[in-house]
Structures are given as structure tokens and as C-alpha cells.
């Protein structure tokens, strides 16, 4: 995978519609501390979007975006 900060995002005029907003999260997913406490107590499983693996991928993407912005070059991401 390859990330470039210089890539252009599609704009609304090209798609002709407003972006859809997701439904609000239900408790305890809607509040970070309550969610964390519920996971630690074993009351709920870890949500896939909150997993360590997902957050490591997000961190790699953010690093690549910063590096691309700093250098003006594309940055390759590790493949899985």
C-alpha cells in the first residue's frame, strides 16, 4: 500500500451528495472511559475498531501522512 499526502480527496461536487453520518454509538461505546472500564471488567468484548491491531495500522498511516507532508514524497506502508 502506498500513501501520498498530495493525493486529492474526492469532493462533494464530484459525487453530488452530502456524506452520510453514522448512527451514534450506544453506551458504553460512546464514552471512552466507560468503554475501557467495561472491557477491563470483562463486561463487553473489545470492539474491533478499538483493537491493538487496528490502532497500530492507524498509527502507521498517520506516520506515513506526516512523513509524506514533510518530504513531499509518497511513503510506502508495510504490506500484510
C-alpha atoms as a PDB file:
ATOM      1  CA  UNK A   1       0.000   0.000   0.000  1.00  0.00           C
ATOM      2  CA  UNK A   2       1.190   3.479  -0.708  1.00  0.00           C
ATOM      3  CA  UNK A   3       0.182   6.801   0.855  1.00  0.00           C
ATOM      4  CA  UNK A   4       0.680  10.260  -0.517  1.00  0.00           C
ATOM      5  CA  UNK A   5      -0.393  13.367   1.339  1.00  0.00           C
ATOM      6  CA  UNK A   6      -0.522  15.035  -2.044  1.00  0.00           C
ATOM      7  CA  UNK A   7      -3.329  12.738  -3.233  1.00  0.00           C
ATOM      8  CA  UNK A   8      -6.591  14.599  -3.800  1.00  0.00           C
ATOM      9  CA  UNK A   9      -9.677  13.549  -1.890  1.00  0.00           C
ATOM     10  CA  UNK A  10     -12.895  13.286  -3.869  1.00  0.00           C
ATOM     11  CA  UNK A  11     -15.031  16.341  -3.312  1.00  0.00           C
ATOM     12  CA  UNK A  12     -18.786  16.671  -2.937  1.00  0.00           C
ATOM     13  CA  UNK A  13     -19.284  18.189  -6.389  1.00  0.00           C
ATOM     14  CA  UNK A  14     -17.908  15.028  -7.999  1.00  0.00           C
ATOM     15  CA  UNK A  15     -20.316  12.796  -6.078  1.00  0.00           C
ATOM     16  CA  UNK A  16     -23.306  15.132  -5.959  1.00  0.00           C
ATOM     17  CA  UNK A  17     -24.316  14.308  -2.389  1.00  0.00           C
ATOM     18  CA  UNK A  18     -23.509  15.051   1.212  1.00  0.00           C
ATOM     19  CA  UNK A  19     -21.576  12.445   3.223  1.00  0.00           C
ATOM     20  CA  UNK A  20     -23.686  10.201   5.425  1.00  0.00           C
ATOM     21  CA  UNK A  21     -23.312  10.499   9.190  1.00  0.00           C
ATOM     22  CA  UNK A  22     -23.138   7.214  11.103  1.00  0.00           C
ATOM     23  CA  UNK A  23     -25.612   6.449  13.877  1.00  0.00           C
ATOM     24  CA  UNK A  24     -24.425   7.417  17.367  1.00  0.00           C
ATOM     25  CA  UNK A  25     -22.741   4.683  19.378  1.00  0.00           C
ATOM     26  CA  UNK A  26     -24.667   3.068  22.214  1.00  0.00           C
ATOM     27  CA  UNK A  27     -23.287   3.142  25.775  1.00  0.00           C
ATOM     28  CA  UNK A  28     -20.636   2.237  26.829  1.00  0.00           C
ATOM     29  CA  UNK A  29     -19.106   2.537  23.335  1.00  0.00           C
ATOM     30  CA  UNK A  30     -19.979   6.234  23.226  1.00  0.00           C
ATOM     31  CA  UNK A  31     -17.718   7.205  26.145  1.00  0.00           C
ATOM     32  CA  UNK A  32     -14.034   6.171  26.161  1.00  0.00           C
ATOM     33  CA  UNK A  33     -13.526   5.773  29.925  1.00  0.00           C
ATOM     34  CA  UNK A  34     -16.771   3.811  30.405  1.00  0.00           C
ATOM     35  CA  UNK A  35     -15.862   1.624  27.420  1.00  0.00           C
ATOM     36  CA  UNK A  36     -12.374   0.950  28.784  1.00  0.00           C
ATOM     37  CA  UNK A  37     -13.749   0.116  32.237  1.00  0.00           C
ATOM     38  CA  UNK A  38     -16.354  -2.274  30.783  1.00  0.00           C
ATOM     39  CA  UNK A  39     -13.669  -4.093  28.749  1.00  0.00           C
ATOM     40  CA  UNK A  40     -11.328  -4.351  31.753  1.00  0.00           C
ATOM     41  CA  UNK A  41     -14.164  -5.723  33.919  1.00  0.00           C
ATOM     42  CA  UNK A  42     -14.949  -8.290  31.210  1.00  0.00           C
ATOM     43  CA  UNK A  43     -18.465  -6.920  30.730  1.00  0.00           C
ATOM     44  CA  UNK A  44     -18.024  -6.475  26.977  1.00  0.00           C
ATOM     45  CA  UNK A  45     -15.506  -7.732  24.397  1.00  0.00           C
ATOM     46  CA  UNK A  46     -13.012  -5.412  22.736  1.00  0.00           C
ATOM     47  CA  UNK A  47     -14.677  -3.751  19.747  1.00  0.00           C
ATOM     48  CA  UNK A  48     -12.719  -4.488  16.513  1.00  0.00           C
ATOM     49  CA  UNK A  49     -12.205  -0.761  15.831  1.00  0.00           C
ATOM     50  CA  UNK A  50     -10.567  -0.387  19.257  1.00  0.00           C
ATOM     51  CA  UNK A  51      -8.204  -3.337  18.910  1.00  0.00           C
ATOM     52  CA  UNK A  52      -4.447  -3.013  19.219  1.00  0.00           C
ATOM     53  CA  UNK A  53      -4.021  -4.268  15.637  1.00  0.00           C
ATOM     54  CA  UNK A  54      -6.345  -1.586  14.245  1.00  0.00           C
ATOM     55  CA  UNK A  55      -4.631   1.145  16.247  1.00  0.00           C
ATOM     56  CA  UNK A  56      -1.178   0.017  15.071  1.00  0.00           C
ATOM     57  CA  UNK A  57      -2.370   0.296  11.445  1.00  0.00           C
ATOM     58  CA  UNK A  58      -3.813   3.768  12.121  1.00  0.00           C
ATOM     59  CA  UNK A  59      -0.505   4.829  13.690  1.00  0.00           C
ATOM     60  CA  UNK A  60       1.383   3.651  10.583  1.00  0.00           C
ATOM     61  CA  UNK A  61      -0.992   5.601   8.321  1.00  0.00           C
ATOM     62  CA  UNK A  62      -0.623   8.772  10.401  1.00  0.00           C
ATOM     63  CA  UNK A  63       3.168   8.434  10.392  1.00  0.00           C
ATOM     64  CA  UNK A  64       3.154   7.972   6.615  1.00  0.00           C
ATOM     65  CA  UNK A  65       0.920  11.029   6.166  1.00  0.00           C
ATOM     66  CA  UNK A  66       3.230  13.190   8.295  1.00  0.00           C
ATOM     67  CA  UNK A  67       6.317  11.915   6.507  1.00  0.00           C
ATOM     68  CA  UNK A  68       4.700  12.478   3.104  1.00  0.00           C
ATOM     69  CA  UNK A  69       3.736  16.032   4.091  1.00  0.00           C
ATOM     70  CA  UNK A  70       7.254  16.699   5.395  1.00  0.00           C
ATOM     71  CA  UNK A  71       9.096  15.350   2.351  1.00  0.00           C
ATOM     72  CA  UNK A  72       6.543  15.919  -0.425  1.00  0.00           C
ATOM     73  CA  UNK A  73       7.080  12.288  -1.447  1.00  0.00           C
ATOM     74  CA  UNK A  74       4.933   9.172  -1.362  1.00  0.00           C
ATOM     75  CA  UNK A  75       5.566   6.840   1.568  1.00  0.00           C
ATOM     76  CA  UNK A  76       5.176   3.071   1.282  1.00  0.00           C
ATOM     77  CA  UNK A  77       3.272   1.328   4.039  1.00  0.00           C
ATOM     78  CA  UNK A  78       4.113  -2.205   5.146  1.00  0.00           C
ATOM     79  CA  UNK A  79       2.060  -4.896   3.433  1.00  0.00           C
ATOM     80  CA  UNK A  80       0.257  -7.548   5.422  1.00  0.00           C
END
